[in-house]
Amino acid sequence: MRQRNSLAQAPLWVPGDPEAVRPVQRGETYPLFAAGVILGFVALFVCYSRGYLLLYGDAVAHLAIARRIMDSRWPGVAQLGGVWLPLPHVLMMPFAQRTEWWRNGLAGAFPSLGCYVFGVVGFHRLCRRLLTPRWALAATAFYGLNPNLLYLSTTALTEPVFVALLIWMAAMTVEFADAVRMGDAGA
């Protein structure tokens, strides 16, 4: 007799095996979240002290778009424009209302730092579904310690938002596929 759906019935991990490829356990990402916050603020301190936050003209333009949504002759959603993706500007908008942060670039750094931190956590969550704990931590360290990513996490550019969303889409897709495979997906 031929066994049907044997792949769908196979467990994703063996309970009790610490080196098994398995989903993230509760509380496993808290240290990575804290490490991401610390690394992000160290990068912010280094870049801010050297005046690197507004090196790119795009960063200045993104901050100007975020500022003019609420502070212009005709404020409103129409100020978002049609070329740039609006999510980073909406995230920067509350910070850009403080004039000093808008001028020195800090208004764009805070949303980018948040996206960096959530990107690190999401990357680890994705890696835990695909790798053993040791290699997932190593991959997350390579991702989180990337100097270019650390710099971008201090600027008003759209890349940190895009990377964080891309990572979380991949992680949620893998988790959904595993849930479907295990038969845990909702109706």
Protein backbone atom coordinates (compact mmCIF):
# COMPACT_ATOMS: atom_id res chain seq x y z
CA MET A 1 0.00 0.00 0.00
CA ARG A 2 1.38 3.38 -1.01
CA GLN A 3 1.65 6.01 1.69
CA ARG A 4 0.02 9.28 0.72
CA ASN A 5 0.99 12.72 2.00
CA SER A 6 3.98 11.41 3.93
CA LEU A 7 5.72 14.75 3.60
CA ALA A 8 2.72 16.56 5.04
CA GLN A 9 2.69 14.20 8.04
CA ALA A 10 6.41 14.50 8.81
CA PRO A 11 7.15 16.81 11.78
CA LEU A 12 9.15 19.94 11.17
CA TRP A 13 11.29 19.39 14.24
CA VAL A 14 11.88 16.82 16.91
CA PRO A 15 10.74 18.13 20.31
CA GLY A 16 13.55 18.13 22.84
CA ASP A 17 16.42 18.30 20.35
CA PRO A 18 18.25 21.62 21.00
CA GLU A 19 20.05 21.50 17.64
CA ALA A 20 16.93 20.87 15.56
CA VAL A 21 15.66 23.21 12.92
CA ARG A 22 12.48 24.53 14.50
CA PRO A 23 10.40 27.68 14.88
CA VAL A 24 11.45 30.39 17.29
CA GLN A 25 10.50 29.74 20.90
CA ARG A 26 8.88 32.38 23.09
CA GLY A 27 11.49 34.76 24.44
CA GLU A 28 14.23 33.62 22.07
CA THR A 29 14.28 36.88 20.12
CA TYR A 30 14.38 39.26 23.11
CA PRO A 31 18.20 39.26 23.37
CA LEU A 32 18.45 39.85 19.61
CA PHE A 33 15.99 42.72 19.88
CA ALA A 34 18.09 44.28 22.65
CA ALA A 35 21.31 43.71 20.69
CA GLY A 36 19.74 45.33 17.62
CA VAL A 37 18.70 48.37 19.65
CA ILE A 38 22.19 48.71 21.13
CA LEU A 39 23.93 48.28 17.76
CA GLY A 40 21.53 50.72 16.13
CA PHE A 41 22.14 53.42 18.72
CA VAL A 42 25.91 52.90 18.55
CA ALA A 43 25.70 53.33 14.77
CA LEU A 44 23.52 56.41 15.26
CA PHE A 45 26.02 57.91 17.70
CA VAL A 46 28.93 57.30 15.31
CA CYS A 47 27.11 58.64 12.24
CA TYR A 48 25.57 61.62 14.05
CA SER A 49 28.87 62.67 15.64
CA ARG A 50 30.57 62.66 12.22
CA GLY A 51 27.70 64.36 10.37
CA TYR A 52 26.85 61.39 8.13
CA LEU A 53 23.06 61.46 8.50
CA LEU A 54 22.40 63.76 5.53
CA LEU A 55 25.17 62.74 3.13
CA TYR A 56 22.73 61.54 0.47
CA GLY A 57 20.55 64.07 -1.29
CA ASP A 58 17.75 61.50 -1.24
CA ALA A 59 17.75 61.59 2.57
CA VAL A 60 17.26 65.34 2.51
CA ALA A 61 14.45 64.98 -0.04
CA HIS A 62 12.70 62.30 2.02
CA LEU A 63 12.84 64.49 5.11
CA ALA A 64 11.46 67.43 3.13
CA ILE A 65 8.55 65.31 1.91
CA ALA A 66 7.83 64.09 5.44
CA ARG A 67 7.93 67.67 6.76
CA ARG A 68 5.71 69.20 4.10
CA ILE A 69 2.85 66.75 4.75
CA MET A 70 1.99 68.76 7.87
CA ASP A 71 4.00 71.95 7.46
CA SER A 72 3.44 73.57 4.08
CA ARG A 73 1.21 76.10 2.43
CA TRP A 74 -1.29 73.34 1.56
CA PRO A 75 -0.67 70.47 4.00
CA GLY A 76 -2.21 67.09 3.43
CA VAL A 77 -1.83 63.68 1.88
CA ALA A 78 -1.36 65.20 -1.56
CA GLN A 79 2.09 66.35 -0.40
CA LEU A 80 3.31 62.75 -0.43
CA GLY A 81 3.69 62.96 -4.17
CA GLY A 82 3.53 60.11 -6.63
CA VAL A 83 7.13 59.03 -7.15
CA TRP A 84 8.37 57.94 -3.73
CA LEU A 85 6.86 55.15 -1.68
CA PRO A 86 4.78 56.86 1.02
CA LEU A 87 5.37 54.55 4.01
CA PRO A 88 8.82 55.89 5.00
CA HIS A 89 7.53 59.46 4.81
CA VAL A 90 4.54 58.65 6.96
CA LEU A 91 6.86 57.01 9.51
CA MET A 92 9.16 60.05 9.51
CA MET A 93 6.34 62.59 9.66
CA PRO A 94 5.96 62.84 13.49
CA PHE A 95 9.71 63.19 13.97
CA ALA A 96 10.12 65.72 11.15
CA GLN A 97 7.79 68.15 12.92
CA ARG A 98 10.57 68.89 15.40
CA THR A 99 12.65 71.45 13.52
CA GLU A 100 16.02 70.55 15.04
CA TRP A 101 15.62 66.85 14.19
CA TRP A 102 14.48 67.74 10.68
CA ARG A 103 17.55 69.91 10.11
CA ASN A 104 20.17 67.48 11.43
CA GLY A 105 18.59 64.28 10.03
CA LEU A 106 17.56 62.60 13.28
CA ALA A 107 13.93 62.68 12.14
CA GLY A 108 14.71 60.03 9.54
CA ALA A 109 17.02 58.01 11.78
CA PHE A 110 14.41 56.89 14.31
CA PRO A 111 12.07 55.09 11.88
CA SER A 112 15.06 53.58 10.08
CA LEU A 113 16.50 52.31 13.37
CA GLY A 114 13.17 50.74 14.25
CA CYS A 115 13.07 49.00 10.89
CA TYR A 116 16.65 47.79 11.37
CA VAL A 117 15.80 46.27 14.76
CA PHE A 118 12.66 44.57 13.47
CA GLY A 119 14.64 43.40 10.43
CA VAL A 120 17.21 41.72 12.70
CA VAL A 121 14.47 40.00 14.70
CA GLY A 122 12.63 38.92 11.53
CA PHE A 123 15.83 37.65 9.94
CA HIS A 124 16.53 35.48 12.97
CA ARG A 125 12.96 34.22 12.94
CA LEU A 126 13.33 33.29 9.28
CA CYS A 127 16.71 31.65 9.83
CA ARG A 128 15.39 29.53 12.72
CA ARG A 129 12.92 27.96 10.29
CA LEU A 130 15.73 27.05 7.91
CA LEU A 131 18.88 26.52 10.01
CA THR A 132 20.05 25.06 13.31
CA PRO A 133 20.27 27.53 16.23
CA ARG A 134 24.02 27.97 15.93
CA TRP A 135 23.92 28.77 12.22
CA ALA A 136 20.82 30.93 12.55
CA LEU A 137 22.62 33.04 15.14
CA ALA A 138 25.72 33.26 12.90
CA ALA A 139 23.62 34.33 9.91
CA THR A 140 21.80 36.91 12.03
CA ALA A 141 25.13 38.26 13.28
CA PHE A 142 26.39 38.64 9.70
CA TYR A 143 23.19 40.46 8.80
CA GLY A 144 23.06 42.68 11.89
CA LEU A 145 26.76 43.63 11.81
CA ASN A 146 26.76 44.64 8.15
CA PRO A 147 28.34 48.14 8.13
CA ASN A 148 26.30 49.32 5.14
CA LEU A 149 23.06 48.23 6.79
CA LEU A 150 24.09 49.89 10.06
CA TYR A 151 24.78 53.13 8.20
CA LEU A 152 21.49 52.97 6.29
CA SER A 153 19.67 52.43 9.59
CA THR A 154 20.71 55.95 10.61
CA THR A 155 19.57 57.78 7.47
CA ALA A 156 16.26 59.00 6.09
CA LEU A 157 16.35 56.59 3.16
CA THR A 158 13.72 54.04 2.17
CA GLU A 159 16.01 51.00 2.13
CA PRO A 160 15.69 50.01 5.84
CA VAL A 161 11.90 49.99 5.56
CA PHE A 162 12.03 47.95 2.36
CA VAL A 163 14.51 45.41 3.75
CA ALA A 164 12.54 44.94 6.98
CA LEU A 165 9.27 44.45 5.08
CA LEU A 166 10.92 42.02 2.66
CA ILE A 167 12.36 39.94 5.50
CA TRP A 168 9.04 39.79 7.34
CA MET A 169 7.18 38.85 4.15
CA ALA A 170 9.61 35.97 3.60
CA ALA A 171 9.35 34.87 7.24
CA MET A 172 5.56 34.96 7.22
CA THR A 173 5.45 33.09 3.90
CA VAL A 174 7.68 30.32 5.27
CA GLU A 175 5.63 30.12 8.47
CA PHE A 176 2.40 29.97 6.48
CA ALA A 177 3.78 27.22 4.23
CA ASP A 178 4.84 25.24 7.32
CA ALA A 179 1.40 25.73 8.88
CA VAL A 180 -0.29 24.51 5.71
CA ARG A 181 2.07 21.54 5.59
CA MET A 182 1.30 20.68 9.20
CA GLY A 183 -2.41 21.23 8.73
CA ASP A 184 -2.56 24.11 11.25
CA ALA A 185 -3.69 26.80 8.81
CA GLY A 186 -7.04 28.39 9.53
CA ALA A 187 -9.99 27.81 7.22
